[in-house]
N, C-alpha and C. Protein backbone atom coordinates (compact mmCIF):
# COMPACT_ATOMS: atom_id res chain seq x y z
N MET A 1 0.81 -1.21 -0.03
CA MET A 1 0.00 0.00 0.03
C MET A 1 0.88 1.22 -0.01
N PRO A 2 0.47 2.31 -0.73
CA PRO A 2 1.25 3.52 -0.71
C PRO A 2 1.07 4.25 0.63
N ALA A 3 2.04 5.13 0.88
CA ALA A 3 1.86 6.05 2.05
C ALA A 3 0.86 7.11 1.72
N TYR A 4 0.09 7.55 2.74
CA TYR A 4 -0.99 8.46 2.51
C TYR A 4 -0.81 9.78 3.26
N PHE A 5 -1.21 10.87 2.65
CA PHE A 5 -1.54 12.14 3.30
C PHE A 5 -2.93 12.03 3.77
N ASP A 6 -3.22 12.50 5.03
CA ASP A 6 -4.58 12.50 5.54
C ASP A 6 -5.00 13.80 6.04
N MET A 7 -6.27 14.12 5.82
CA MET A 7 -6.92 15.33 6.39
C MET A 7 -8.05 14.82 7.27
N THR A 8 -7.98 15.05 8.51
CA THR A 8 -8.91 14.47 9.51
C THR A 8 -9.82 15.53 10.07
N LEU A 9 -11.14 15.34 9.96
CA LEU A 9 -12.14 16.25 10.49
C LEU A 9 -12.73 15.58 11.72
N GLN A 10 -12.80 16.26 12.84
CA GLN A 10 -13.25 15.73 14.12
C GLN A 10 -14.61 16.32 14.55
N PHE A 11 -15.52 15.46 15.03
CA PHE A 11 -16.83 15.85 15.39
C PHE A 11 -17.15 15.37 16.81
N LEU A 12 -18.04 16.03 17.48
CA LEU A 12 -18.58 15.63 18.77
C LEU A 12 -19.85 14.83 18.57
N ARG A 13 -19.97 13.71 19.30
CA ARG A 13 -21.12 12.85 19.19
C ARG A 13 -22.43 13.60 19.50
N LYS A 14 -22.37 14.56 20.39
CA LYS A 14 -23.57 15.27 20.75
C LYS A 14 -24.15 16.05 19.55
N ASP A 15 -23.28 16.34 18.52
CA ASP A 15 -23.76 17.09 17.36
C ASP A 15 -24.30 16.17 16.27
N LEU A 16 -24.30 14.85 16.49
CA LEU A 16 -24.86 13.91 15.50
C LEU A 16 -26.38 14.01 15.49
N TYR A 17 -26.99 13.99 14.32
CA TYR A 17 -28.42 14.07 14.20
C TYR A 17 -28.90 13.26 13.04
N PRO A 18 -30.19 12.90 12.92
CA PRO A 18 -30.69 12.16 11.77
C PRO A 18 -30.45 12.96 10.55
N GLY A 19 -29.89 12.30 9.49
CA GLY A 19 -29.52 12.95 8.26
C GLY A 19 -28.18 13.64 8.24
N PHE A 20 -27.41 13.47 9.32
CA PHE A 20 -26.09 14.13 9.44
C PHE A 20 -25.18 13.69 8.29
N VAL A 21 -25.09 12.42 7.97
CA VAL A 21 -24.16 11.95 6.94
C VAL A 21 -24.57 12.45 5.59
N ALA A 22 -25.90 12.44 5.28
CA ALA A 22 -26.32 12.96 3.97
C ALA A 22 -26.02 14.46 3.84
N ASP A 23 -26.19 15.19 4.94
CA ASP A 23 -25.88 16.64 4.86
C ASP A 23 -24.36 16.86 4.67
N PHE A 24 -23.56 16.03 5.34
CA PHE A 24 -22.13 16.17 5.25
C PHE A 24 -21.71 15.76 3.84
N ASP A 25 -22.29 14.68 3.21
CA ASP A 25 -21.95 14.29 1.86
C ASP A 25 -22.28 15.49 0.93
N ALA A 26 -23.39 16.20 1.09
CA ALA A 26 -23.73 17.32 0.23
C ALA A 26 -22.75 18.40 0.35
N HIS A 27 -22.23 18.58 1.61
CA HIS A 27 -21.24 19.62 1.79
C HIS A 27 -19.89 19.27 1.12
N LEU A 28 -19.56 17.98 1.22
CA LEU A 28 -18.33 17.52 0.52
C LEU A 28 -18.40 17.80 -1.01
N GLU A 29 -19.61 17.56 -1.57
CA GLU A 29 -19.85 17.78 -2.98
C GLU A 29 -19.68 19.27 -3.26
N ARG A 30 -20.27 20.14 -2.45
CA ARG A 30 -20.12 21.54 -2.69
C ARG A 30 -18.68 22.03 -2.53
N SER A 31 -17.93 21.36 -1.73
CA SER A 31 -16.56 21.68 -1.49
C SER A 31 -15.56 21.21 -2.56
N GLY A 32 -16.07 20.39 -3.50
CA GLY A 32 -15.27 19.93 -4.57
C GLY A 32 -14.98 18.45 -4.63
N LEU A 33 -15.48 17.70 -3.67
CA LEU A 33 -15.23 16.25 -3.63
C LEU A 33 -16.45 15.61 -4.26
N GLY A 34 -16.32 15.20 -5.54
CA GLY A 34 -17.42 14.55 -6.26
C GLY A 34 -17.42 13.08 -6.04
N PHE A 35 -18.59 12.52 -5.71
CA PHE A 35 -18.71 11.08 -5.46
C PHE A 35 -18.42 10.31 -6.72
N ARG A 36 -17.52 9.31 -6.65
CA ARG A 36 -17.24 8.40 -7.73
C ARG A 36 -17.90 7.06 -7.53
N SER A 37 -17.61 6.44 -6.37
CA SER A 37 -18.17 5.15 -6.07
C SER A 37 -17.81 4.73 -4.64
N GLY A 38 -18.38 3.64 -4.21
CA GLY A 38 -17.92 3.00 -2.99
C GLY A 38 -16.65 2.25 -3.24
N CYS A 39 -16.01 1.81 -2.17
CA CYS A 39 -14.74 1.04 -2.29
C CYS A 39 -14.99 -0.43 -2.33
N ARG A 40 -14.11 -1.14 -3.02
CA ARG A 40 -14.04 -2.61 -3.04
C ARG A 40 -15.43 -3.16 -3.42
N GLU A 41 -15.94 -4.04 -2.54
CA GLU A 41 -17.22 -4.69 -2.86
C GLU A 41 -18.44 -3.75 -2.79
N ASP A 42 -18.23 -2.57 -2.35
CA ASP A 42 -19.30 -1.57 -2.30
C ASP A 42 -19.29 -0.63 -3.52
N ALA A 43 -18.54 -0.98 -4.53
CA ALA A 43 -18.38 -0.10 -5.69
C ALA A 43 -19.75 0.15 -6.39
N GLY A 44 -20.63 -0.79 -6.26
CA GLY A 44 -21.92 -0.67 -6.97
C GLY A 44 -23.01 0.08 -6.21
N LEU A 45 -22.72 0.49 -4.95
CA LEU A 45 -23.70 1.15 -4.11
C LEU A 45 -23.76 2.64 -4.45
N SER A 46 -24.92 3.19 -4.30
CA SER A 46 -25.10 4.65 -4.53
C SER A 46 -24.59 5.41 -3.31
N GLN A 47 -24.45 6.71 -3.51
CA GLN A 47 -24.03 7.58 -2.41
C GLN A 47 -25.06 7.57 -1.28
N ALA A 48 -26.36 7.51 -1.65
CA ALA A 48 -27.40 7.50 -0.65
C ALA A 48 -27.37 6.19 0.18
N GLU A 49 -27.12 5.08 -0.51
CA GLU A 49 -27.06 3.82 0.21
C GLU A 49 -25.89 3.75 1.18
N ILE A 50 -24.75 4.30 0.74
CA ILE A 50 -23.57 4.34 1.66
C ILE A 50 -23.86 5.28 2.81
N ALA A 51 -24.46 6.44 2.53
CA ALA A 51 -24.76 7.42 3.58
C ALA A 51 -25.70 6.74 4.64
N ALA A 52 -26.74 6.03 4.18
CA ALA A 52 -27.72 5.41 5.11
C ALA A 52 -27.00 4.38 5.96
N TRP A 53 -26.11 3.58 5.38
CA TRP A 53 -25.38 2.58 6.20
C TRP A 53 -24.51 3.25 7.25
N ASN A 54 -23.75 4.28 6.84
CA ASN A 54 -22.83 4.94 7.78
C ASN A 54 -23.60 5.71 8.86
N GLN A 55 -24.75 6.28 8.49
CA GLN A 55 -25.57 6.99 9.48
C GLN A 55 -26.05 6.04 10.55
N LYS A 56 -26.48 4.85 10.10
CA LYS A 56 -26.97 3.82 11.06
C LYS A 56 -25.83 3.37 11.95
N LYS A 57 -24.64 3.24 11.42
CA LYS A 57 -23.49 2.82 12.26
C LYS A 57 -23.10 3.92 13.28
N LEU A 58 -23.14 5.18 12.84
CA LEU A 58 -22.81 6.27 13.76
C LEU A 58 -23.82 6.39 14.84
N ASP A 59 -25.13 6.26 14.47
CA ASP A 59 -26.21 6.31 15.43
C ASP A 59 -26.07 5.27 16.56
N ALA A 60 -25.53 4.10 16.14
CA ALA A 60 -25.32 2.99 17.09
C ALA A 60 -23.98 3.07 17.78
N ASN A 61 -23.16 4.07 17.45
CA ASN A 61 -21.86 4.22 18.00
C ASN A 61 -21.03 2.96 17.76
N PHE A 62 -21.12 2.44 16.54
CA PHE A 62 -20.49 1.16 16.18
C PHE A 62 -18.98 1.26 16.19
N ARG A 63 -18.36 0.29 16.74
CA ARG A 63 -16.91 0.14 16.67
C ARG A 63 -16.55 -1.30 16.27
N LEU A 64 -15.74 -1.48 15.23
CA LEU A 64 -15.46 -2.78 14.75
C LEU A 64 -14.64 -3.60 15.75
N ASP A 65 -15.07 -4.79 16.07
CA ASP A 65 -14.30 -5.62 16.96
C ASP A 65 -13.13 -6.20 16.22
N TYR A 66 -12.07 -6.56 16.94
CA TYR A 66 -10.88 -7.10 16.33
C TYR A 66 -11.11 -8.42 15.64
N THR A 67 -12.11 -9.17 16.02
CA THR A 67 -12.41 -10.43 15.41
C THR A 67 -13.52 -10.32 14.39
N GLU A 68 -14.06 -9.14 14.18
CA GLU A 68 -15.18 -8.96 13.27
C GLU A 68 -14.67 -8.67 11.86
N HIS A 69 -15.43 -9.14 10.86
CA HIS A 69 -14.98 -8.93 9.46
C HIS A 69 -15.17 -7.46 9.06
N TYR A 70 -14.26 -6.94 8.24
CA TYR A 70 -14.23 -5.54 7.92
C TYR A 70 -15.46 -5.07 7.19
N THR A 71 -16.22 -6.00 6.56
CA THR A 71 -17.41 -5.61 5.78
C THR A 71 -18.50 -5.14 6.73
N HIS A 72 -18.38 -5.36 8.04
CA HIS A 72 -19.36 -4.84 9.01
C HIS A 72 -19.07 -3.39 9.40
N ASP A 73 -17.92 -2.89 8.98
CA ASP A 73 -17.49 -1.52 9.39
C ASP A 73 -18.17 -0.47 8.55
N TYR A 74 -17.79 0.80 8.75
CA TYR A 74 -18.30 1.89 7.96
C TYR A 74 -17.82 1.71 6.53
N LYS A 75 -18.64 2.10 5.60
CA LYS A 75 -18.27 1.98 4.17
C LYS A 75 -17.50 3.21 3.70
N GLN A 76 -16.50 2.93 2.84
CA GLN A 76 -15.63 3.99 2.38
C GLN A 76 -16.04 4.42 1.00
N VAL A 77 -15.58 5.68 0.61
CA VAL A 77 -16.00 6.27 -0.61
C VAL A 77 -14.81 6.72 -1.43
N LEU A 78 -14.86 6.65 -2.72
CA LEU A 78 -13.88 7.24 -3.61
C LEU A 78 -14.44 8.49 -4.20
N TYR A 79 -13.56 9.55 -4.27
CA TYR A 79 -14.00 10.86 -4.80
C TYR A 79 -13.23 11.28 -6.03
N GLN A 80 -13.82 12.12 -6.82
CA GLN A 80 -13.11 12.89 -7.87
C GLN A 80 -12.79 14.25 -7.28
N PHE A 81 -11.53 14.60 -7.27
CA PHE A 81 -11.08 15.93 -6.73
C PHE A 81 -9.88 16.41 -7.54
N GLU A 82 -10.08 17.55 -8.24
CA GLU A 82 -9.01 18.11 -8.99
C GLU A 82 -8.41 17.05 -9.96
N GLN A 83 -7.09 16.94 -10.01
CA GLN A 83 -6.40 16.00 -10.90
C GLN A 83 -5.86 14.77 -10.17
N TYR A 84 -6.27 14.60 -8.90
CA TYR A 84 -5.74 13.45 -8.15
C TYR A 84 -6.30 12.16 -8.69
N GLU A 85 -5.41 11.11 -8.69
CA GLU A 85 -5.81 9.81 -9.17
C GLU A 85 -6.74 9.11 -8.22
N ARG A 86 -6.46 9.22 -6.91
CA ARG A 86 -7.26 8.45 -5.95
C ARG A 86 -7.40 9.29 -4.66
N VAL A 87 -8.65 9.57 -4.34
CA VAL A 87 -8.99 10.30 -3.09
C VAL A 87 -10.06 9.42 -2.43
N ARG A 88 -9.77 9.06 -1.19
CA ARG A 88 -10.66 8.16 -0.45
C ARG A 88 -11.12 8.76 0.85
N GLY A 89 -12.38 8.57 1.25
CA GLY A 89 -12.91 9.10 2.52
C GLY A 89 -13.53 8.01 3.36
N CYS A 90 -13.38 8.08 4.65
CA CYS A 90 -13.91 7.05 5.54
C CYS A 90 -14.21 7.62 6.90
N TRP A 91 -15.28 7.10 7.52
CA TRP A 91 -15.67 7.44 8.93
C TRP A 91 -14.84 6.59 9.84
N MET A 92 -14.38 7.15 10.92
CA MET A 92 -13.61 6.42 11.95
C MET A 92 -14.33 6.67 13.32
N ASN A 93 -14.50 5.60 14.05
CA ASN A 93 -15.11 5.72 15.39
C ASN A 93 -14.29 4.92 16.40
N ARG A 94 -12.92 5.17 16.37
CA ARG A 94 -12.04 4.41 17.24
C ARG A 94 -11.28 5.34 18.21
N GLU A 95 -11.74 6.57 18.35
CA GLU A 95 -11.06 7.53 19.16
C GLU A 95 -11.04 7.11 20.62
N ALA A 96 -9.94 7.46 21.30
CA ALA A 96 -9.90 7.23 22.72
C ALA A 96 -11.01 8.05 23.41
N GLU A 97 -11.35 9.20 22.85
CA GLU A 97 -12.44 10.01 23.43
C GLU A 97 -13.74 9.43 22.98
N GLU A 98 -14.53 9.02 23.96
CA GLU A 98 -15.80 8.32 23.58
C GLU A 98 -16.78 9.20 22.90
N ASP A 99 -16.67 10.54 23.07
CA ASP A 99 -17.64 11.44 22.51
C ASP A 99 -17.23 12.05 21.22
N VAL A 100 -16.19 11.48 20.56
CA VAL A 100 -15.63 12.06 19.33
C VAL A 100 -15.60 10.99 18.24
N PHE A 101 -15.98 11.39 16.99
CA PHE A 101 -15.76 10.55 15.83
C PHE A 101 -15.16 11.44 14.72
N THR A 102 -14.63 10.76 13.70
CA THR A 102 -13.89 11.56 12.71
C THR A 102 -14.21 11.10 11.28
N TYR A 103 -13.93 12.01 10.35
CA TYR A 103 -13.97 11.67 8.94
C TYR A 103 -12.56 11.95 8.38
N VAL A 104 -11.99 10.96 7.69
CA VAL A 104 -10.61 11.10 7.18
C VAL A 104 -10.65 11.04 5.64
N ILE A 105 -9.97 12.03 5.06
CA ILE A 105 -9.81 12.08 3.62
C ILE A 105 -8.33 11.71 3.30
N LEU A 106 -8.14 10.71 2.47
CA LEU A 106 -6.81 10.11 2.20
C LEU A 106 -6.39 10.30 0.76
N ILE A 107 -5.18 10.76 0.55
CA ILE A 107 -4.59 10.93 -0.77
C ILE A 107 -3.14 10.37 -0.74
N PRO A 108 -2.70 9.58 -1.71
CA PRO A 108 -1.32 9.03 -1.72
C PRO A 108 -0.36 10.22 -1.58
N GLU A 109 0.67 10.02 -0.74
CA GLU A 109 1.66 11.00 -0.49
C GLU A 109 2.37 11.43 -1.81
N ARG A 110 2.56 10.51 -2.70
CA ARG A 110 3.29 10.78 -3.95
C ARG A 110 2.58 11.83 -4.79
N GLU A 111 1.27 12.06 -4.50
CA GLU A 111 0.52 13.02 -5.29
C GLU A 111 0.57 14.47 -4.65
N VAL A 112 1.10 14.55 -3.48
CA VAL A 112 1.09 15.86 -2.83
C VAL A 112 2.50 16.37 -2.43
N LEU A 113 3.45 15.45 -2.35
CA LEU A 113 4.79 15.84 -1.92
C LEU A 113 5.72 16.03 -3.14
N THR A 114 6.77 16.79 -2.95
CA THR A 114 7.78 16.95 -3.99
C THR A 114 8.59 15.65 -4.18
N CYS A 115 8.71 14.87 -3.09
CA CYS A 115 9.33 13.56 -3.12
C CYS A 115 8.17 12.52 -3.04
N GLU A 116 8.39 11.36 -3.72
CA GLU A 116 7.30 10.41 -3.73
C GLU A 116 7.04 9.71 -2.44
N ASP A 117 8.04 9.69 -1.56
CA ASP A 117 7.89 8.93 -0.33
C ASP A 117 8.52 9.71 0.80
N SER A 118 7.72 10.14 1.76
CA SER A 118 8.23 10.98 2.86
C SER A 118 9.18 10.16 3.78
N VAL A 119 9.02 8.85 3.71
CA VAL A 119 9.90 8.04 4.57
C VAL A 119 11.35 8.12 4.06
N CYS A 120 11.52 8.27 2.74
CA CYS A 120 12.86 8.34 2.12
C CYS A 120 13.39 9.80 1.98
N CYS A 121 12.51 10.73 2.05
CA CYS A 121 12.96 12.13 1.86
C CYS A 121 13.69 12.63 3.08
N MET A 122 14.76 13.40 2.86
CA MET A 122 15.43 14.05 3.98
C MET A 122 14.61 15.18 4.54
N GLU A 123 13.90 15.89 3.61
CA GLU A 123 12.99 16.95 4.01
C GLU A 123 11.66 16.79 3.40
N ILE A 124 10.62 17.10 4.18
CA ILE A 124 9.26 17.04 3.65
C ILE A 124 8.88 18.39 2.97
N CYS A 125 8.38 18.40 1.83
CA CYS A 125 7.90 19.63 1.19
C CYS A 125 6.71 19.26 0.31
N PHE A 126 5.65 20.04 0.46
CA PHE A 126 4.43 19.85 -0.37
C PHE A 126 4.60 20.62 -1.68
N GLN A 127 4.05 20.04 -2.76
CA GLN A 127 3.98 20.74 -4.04
C GLN A 127 3.09 21.97 -3.82
N ARG A 128 3.51 23.10 -4.39
CA ARG A 128 2.77 24.34 -4.18
C ARG A 128 1.32 24.23 -4.63
N GLU A 129 1.09 23.78 -5.82
CA GLU A 129 -0.27 23.67 -6.33
C GLU A 129 -1.11 22.76 -5.47
N ARG A 130 -0.55 21.65 -5.03
CA ARG A 130 -1.33 20.72 -4.22
C ARG A 130 -1.57 21.28 -2.89
N ALA A 131 -0.60 21.96 -2.27
CA ALA A 131 -0.81 22.58 -0.94
C ALA A 131 -1.92 23.62 -1.01
N GLU A 132 -1.96 24.39 -2.06
CA GLU A 132 -3.00 25.41 -2.18
C GLU A 132 -4.37 24.78 -2.41
N GLU A 133 -4.41 23.73 -3.21
CA GLU A 133 -5.64 23.01 -3.46
C GLU A 133 -6.24 22.47 -2.14
N LEU A 134 -5.36 21.79 -1.35
CA LEU A 134 -5.77 21.19 -0.12
C LEU A 134 -6.21 22.21 0.93
N LEU A 135 -5.57 23.36 0.93
CA LEU A 135 -5.89 24.40 1.85
C LEU A 135 -7.27 24.98 1.50
N ARG A 136 -7.48 25.18 0.19
CA ARG A 136 -8.84 25.68 -0.18
C ARG A 136 -9.90 24.64 0.17
N LEU A 137 -9.63 23.39 -0.02
CA LEU A 137 -10.56 22.36 0.35
C LEU A 137 -10.84 22.40 1.83
N ALA A 138 -9.82 22.47 2.65
CA ALA A 138 -10.03 22.45 4.10
C ALA A 138 -10.87 23.64 4.56
N LYS A 139 -10.62 24.80 3.95
CA LYS A 139 -11.35 26.00 4.43
C LYS A 139 -12.84 25.90 4.00
N ARG A 140 -13.09 25.23 2.88
CA ARG A 140 -14.49 24.98 2.48
C ARG A 140 -15.13 23.97 3.43
N LEU A 141 -14.42 22.90 3.76
CA LEU A 141 -14.94 21.90 4.68
C LEU A 141 -15.20 22.48 6.03
N TRP A 142 -14.41 23.47 6.45
CA TRP A 142 -14.58 24.12 7.79
C TRP A 142 -15.91 24.79 7.88
N GLN A 143 -16.53 25.10 6.74
CA GLN A 143 -17.84 25.77 6.81
C GLN A 143 -18.98 24.85 7.25
N PHE A 144 -18.71 23.53 7.33
CA PHE A 144 -19.71 22.65 7.88
C PHE A 144 -19.75 22.90 9.41
N PRO A 145 -20.86 23.36 10.00
CA PRO A 145 -20.80 23.87 11.37
C PRO A 145 -20.38 22.89 12.42
N GLN A 146 -20.59 21.58 12.19
CA GLN A 146 -20.29 20.59 13.24
C GLN A 146 -18.79 20.19 13.31
N VAL A 147 -17.97 20.66 12.32
CA VAL A 147 -16.56 20.31 12.37
C VAL A 147 -15.91 21.07 13.51
N LYS A 148 -15.23 20.35 14.40
CA LYS A 148 -14.60 20.98 15.57
C LYS A 148 -13.13 21.26 15.36
N ALA A 149 -12.48 20.49 14.51
CA ALA A 149 -11.07 20.71 14.14
C ALA A 149 -10.71 19.94 12.88
N ILE A 150 -9.76 20.48 12.12
CA ILE A 150 -9.17 19.79 10.97
C ILE A 150 -7.65 19.71 11.18
N GLN A 151 -7.15 18.45 11.07
CA GLN A 151 -5.70 18.25 11.23
C GLN A 151 -5.20 17.48 10.01
N THR A 152 -3.91 17.70 9.67
CA THR A 152 -3.34 16.99 8.57
C THR A 152 -2.11 16.21 9.00
N GLY A 153 -1.89 15.10 8.32
CA GLY A 153 -0.72 14.26 8.67
C GLY A 153 -0.18 13.50 7.51
N LEU A 154 0.98 12.84 7.71
CA LEU A 154 1.58 11.97 6.70
C LEU A 154 1.70 10.58 7.36
N GLU A 155 2.26 9.65 6.61
CA GLU A 155 2.32 8.25 7.07
C GLU A 155 2.95 8.10 8.41
N LEU A 156 3.97 8.87 8.74
CA LEU A 156 4.69 8.73 10.00
C LEU A 156 4.33 9.80 11.03
N SER A 157 3.17 10.46 10.82
CA SER A 157 2.82 11.57 11.73
C SER A 157 2.15 11.10 13.06
N GLY A 158 1.66 9.91 13.03
CA GLY A 158 0.93 9.47 14.22
C GLY A 158 -0.51 9.94 14.09
N ASN A 159 -1.27 9.71 15.21
CA ASN A 159 -2.70 10.04 15.21
C ASN A 159 -2.96 11.50 15.42
N PRO A 160 -4.07 12.02 14.89
CA PRO A 160 -4.49 13.40 15.21
C PRO A 160 -4.61 13.57 16.72
N VAL A 161 -4.33 14.80 17.20
CA VAL A 161 -4.44 15.12 18.62
C VAL A 161 -5.90 15.12 19.02
N GLU A 162 -6.24 14.60 20.20
CA GLU A 162 -7.56 14.56 20.69
C GLU A 162 -8.11 15.96 20.95
N LEU A 163 -9.41 16.15 20.80
CA LEU A 163 -10.01 17.46 21.04
C LEU A 163 -9.75 17.97 22.43
N SER A 164 -9.84 17.09 23.41
CA SER A 164 -9.61 17.53 24.74
C SER A 164 -8.19 18.03 24.97
N ALA A 165 -7.25 17.41 24.28
CA ALA A 165 -5.84 17.83 24.39
C ALA A 165 -5.64 19.19 23.67
N LEU A 166 -6.33 19.37 22.54
CA LEU A 166 -6.27 20.65 21.86
C LEU A 166 -6.78 21.77 22.74
N GLU A 167 -7.84 21.47 23.44
CA GLU A 167 -8.46 22.49 24.32
C GLU A 167 -7.56 22.78 25.55
N ALA A 168 -6.71 21.82 25.82
CA ALA A 168 -5.73 22.05 26.94
C ALA A 168 -4.46 22.69 26.51
N GLY A 169 -4.32 22.99 25.17
CA GLY A 169 -3.19 23.71 24.66
C GLY A 169 -2.19 22.91 23.84
N GLN A 170 -2.43 21.56 23.67
CA GLN A 170 -1.44 20.75 22.92
C GLN A 170 -1.55 21.13 21.42
N PRO A 171 -0.38 21.26 20.74
CA PRO A 171 -0.42 21.62 19.31
C PRO A 171 -1.08 20.50 18.50
N PRO A 172 -1.74 20.90 17.41
CA PRO A 172 -2.40 19.87 16.57
C PRO A 172 -1.37 19.14 15.74
N CYS A 173 -1.83 18.09 15.04
CA CYS A 173 -1.02 17.46 14.03
C CYS A 173 -1.25 18.32 12.77
N ALA A 174 -0.15 18.93 12.31
CA ALA A 174 -0.28 19.91 11.17
C ALA A 174 0.96 19.77 10.28
N GLU A 175 1.03 18.65 9.51
CA GLU A 175 2.17 18.50 8.62
C GLU A 175 2.14 19.55 7.50
N ALA A 176 0.92 19.99 7.18
CA ALA A 176 0.81 21.11 6.21
C ALA A 176 0.08 22.28 6.92
N PHE A 177 -1.02 21.96 7.59
CA PHE A 177 -1.84 22.98 8.24
C PHE A 177 -2.84 22.29 9.16
N ALA A 178 -3.52 23.14 9.97
CA ALA A 178 -4.64 22.68 10.82
C ALA A 178 -5.59 23.87 10.93
N ILE A 179 -6.86 23.59 11.20
CA ILE A 179 -7.84 24.61 11.50
C ILE A 179 -8.53 24.33 12.80
N LEU A 180 -8.54 25.26 13.72
CA LEU A 180 -9.15 25.11 15.00
C LEU A 180 -10.19 26.22 15.19
N GLU A 181 -11.02 26.02 16.22
CA GLU A 181 -12.00 26.99 16.55
C GLU A 181 -11.38 28.20 17.21
N PRO A 182 -11.99 29.40 17.06
CA PRO A 182 -11.43 30.59 17.72
C PRO A 182 -11.34 30.41 19.21
N GLY A 183 -10.29 30.88 19.80
CA GLY A 183 -10.19 30.83 21.24
C GLY A 183 -9.56 29.55 21.78
N CYS A 184 -9.27 28.57 20.89
CA CYS A 184 -8.59 27.36 21.30
C CYS A 184 -7.20 27.70 21.77
N PRO A 185 -6.85 27.36 23.03
CA PRO A 185 -5.58 27.80 23.60
C PRO A 185 -4.40 26.97 23.10
N CYS A 186 -4.33 26.74 21.82
CA CYS A 186 -3.26 25.91 21.28
C CYS A 186 -1.97 26.61 21.28
N CYS A 187 -0.92 25.91 21.78
CA CYS A 187 0.44 26.39 21.66
C CYS A 187 0.92 26.24 20.23
N ALA A 188 1.10 27.32 19.51
CA ALA A 188 1.39 27.26 18.03
C ALA A 188 2.88 27.45 17.78
N ASP A 189 3.76 26.97 18.62
CA ASP A 189 5.20 27.12 18.38
C ASP A 189 5.53 26.43 17.05
N GLY A 190 6.20 27.21 16.18
CA GLY A 190 6.58 26.65 14.86
C GLY A 190 5.49 26.70 13.84
N LEU A 191 4.32 27.15 14.20
CA LEU A 191 3.16 27.23 13.27
C LEU A 191 2.77 28.70 13.12
N ARG A 192 2.48 29.09 11.91
CA ARG A 192 2.03 30.48 11.65
C ARG A 192 0.50 30.53 11.76
N ALA A 193 -0.01 31.35 12.66
CA ALA A 193 -1.45 31.44 12.89
C ALA A 193 -2.03 32.55 12.04
N VAL A 194 -3.16 32.23 11.38
CA VAL A 194 -3.88 33.17 10.56
C VAL A 194 -5.37 33.12 10.92
N GLU A 195 -5.96 34.25 11.25
CA GLU A 195 -7.39 34.26 11.55
C GLU A 195 -8.21 34.17 10.29
N LEU A 196 -9.15 33.23 10.27
CA LEU A 196 -10.03 33.07 9.13
C LEU A 196 -11.20 34.00 9.28
N THR A 197 -11.42 34.92 8.39
CA THR A 197 -12.46 35.89 8.50
C THR A 197 -13.58 35.79 7.44
N GLN A 198 -13.37 34.92 6.49
CA GLN A 198 -14.40 34.68 5.41
C GLN A 198 -15.20 33.47 5.84
N GLY A 199 -16.52 33.65 5.92
CA GLY A 199 -17.34 32.57 6.36
C GLY A 199 -17.28 32.27 7.85
N ARG A 200 -17.22 30.99 8.22
CA ARG A 200 -17.17 30.62 9.58
C ARG A 200 -15.82 30.99 10.18
N PRO A 201 -15.79 31.62 11.36
CA PRO A 201 -14.51 32.00 12.00
C PRO A 201 -13.67 30.73 12.37
N GLY A 202 -12.39 30.89 12.38
CA GLY A 202 -11.52 29.88 12.78
C GLY A 202 -10.10 30.36 12.82
N VAL A 203 -9.19 29.50 13.24
CA VAL A 203 -7.76 29.85 13.26
C VAL A 203 -7.04 28.80 12.41
N LEU A 204 -6.39 29.30 11.33
CA LEU A 204 -5.62 28.47 10.47
C LEU A 204 -4.17 28.47 10.94
N LEU A 205 -3.59 27.29 11.14
CA LEU A 205 -2.19 27.13 11.58
C LEU A 205 -1.42 26.50 10.44
N LEU A 206 -0.41 27.22 9.95
CA LEU A 206 0.39 26.76 8.79
C LEU A 206 1.76 26.30 9.22
N GLU A 207 2.13 25.12 8.74
CA GLU A 207 3.47 24.60 9.03
C GLU A 207 4.39 24.99 7.90
N ASP A 208 4.97 26.25 7.98
CA ASP A 208 5.69 26.81 6.87
C ASP A 208 6.95 26.02 6.46
N LYS A 209 7.56 25.27 7.36
CA LYS A 209 8.71 24.55 7.00
C LYS A 209 8.45 23.45 6.05
N ASN A 210 7.21 22.95 5.98
CA ASN A 210 6.86 21.90 5.05
C ASN A 210 6.18 22.44 3.79
N LEU A 211 5.99 23.72 3.72
CA LEU A 211 5.29 24.34 2.60
C LEU A 211 6.25 25.11 1.71
N PRO A 212 5.98 25.13 0.42
CA PRO A 212 6.88 25.80 -0.51
C PRO A 212 6.75 27.31 -0.54
N GLY A 213 7.53 28.01 0.21
CA GLY A 213 7.42 29.44 0.31
C GLY A 213 6.22 29.90 1.08
N SER A 214 5.73 31.06 0.80
CA SER A 214 4.58 31.62 1.50
C SER A 214 3.26 31.22 0.81
N ILE A 215 2.61 30.21 1.35
CA ILE A 215 1.38 29.80 0.75
C ILE A 215 0.26 30.82 1.04
N GLU A 216 -0.53 31.12 0.06
CA GLU A 216 -1.61 32.15 0.25
C GLU A 216 -2.59 31.66 1.26
N SER A 217 -2.61 32.32 2.39
CA SER A 217 -3.51 31.86 3.52
C SER A 217 -4.91 32.44 3.43
N GLU A 218 -5.09 33.47 2.57
CA GLU A 218 -6.48 34.06 2.44
C GLU A 218 -7.06 33.71 1.11
N SER A 219 -6.78 32.54 0.55
CA SER A 219 -7.39 32.13 -0.70
C SER A 219 -8.91 32.04 -0.54
N ASN A 220 -9.61 32.17 -1.58
CA ASN A 220 -11.07 32.23 -1.51
C ASN A 220 -11.65 30.94 -1.04
N ILE A 221 -12.72 31.00 -0.21
CA ILE A 221 -13.45 29.83 0.19
C ILE A 221 -14.31 29.35 -1.00
């Protein structure tokens, strides 16, 4: 399997409601992620069928048991986005925080980095065009009101930081950038903070050492 860049959106369970997944899918579409198909054996399912399955799983707070077959888990989706060959999205409900679940968008690292494999690169650097595309996407996704944080990572980044830890001041996982709610007491050492003033308020944190020069932080939503 290739190494992946991931963009993780975190949600609070208390914000889950009937029709949540369908509403989120519609927002993904508006943000530029066009539905292509389900993954693997779910390739023939419609977006509505996948949304209904995942909504039912989230409502039940389902977590896949280690001995349970993966087909019982949340169903994954393939998207069309810009010129990327493969963009995948999946719901995750394995957080240590019982009241949090996430949506993860995955893109092969070779499509976003200047080097094909971050494990072999001496320095990580994102392609300028890709970094700007991903930043625009994240800012659009941030407009979905229930998103509490957006974090980005690479294959060796480890897991996104828990919401409770972010609220306590721990820096987010931001290999390229992160977006947090206003007033989050995050220690942003090494990250450039930019206030988002278009649309929903937020704080954009940019990891400049991994980005090619000065990425435009006020690109249009």
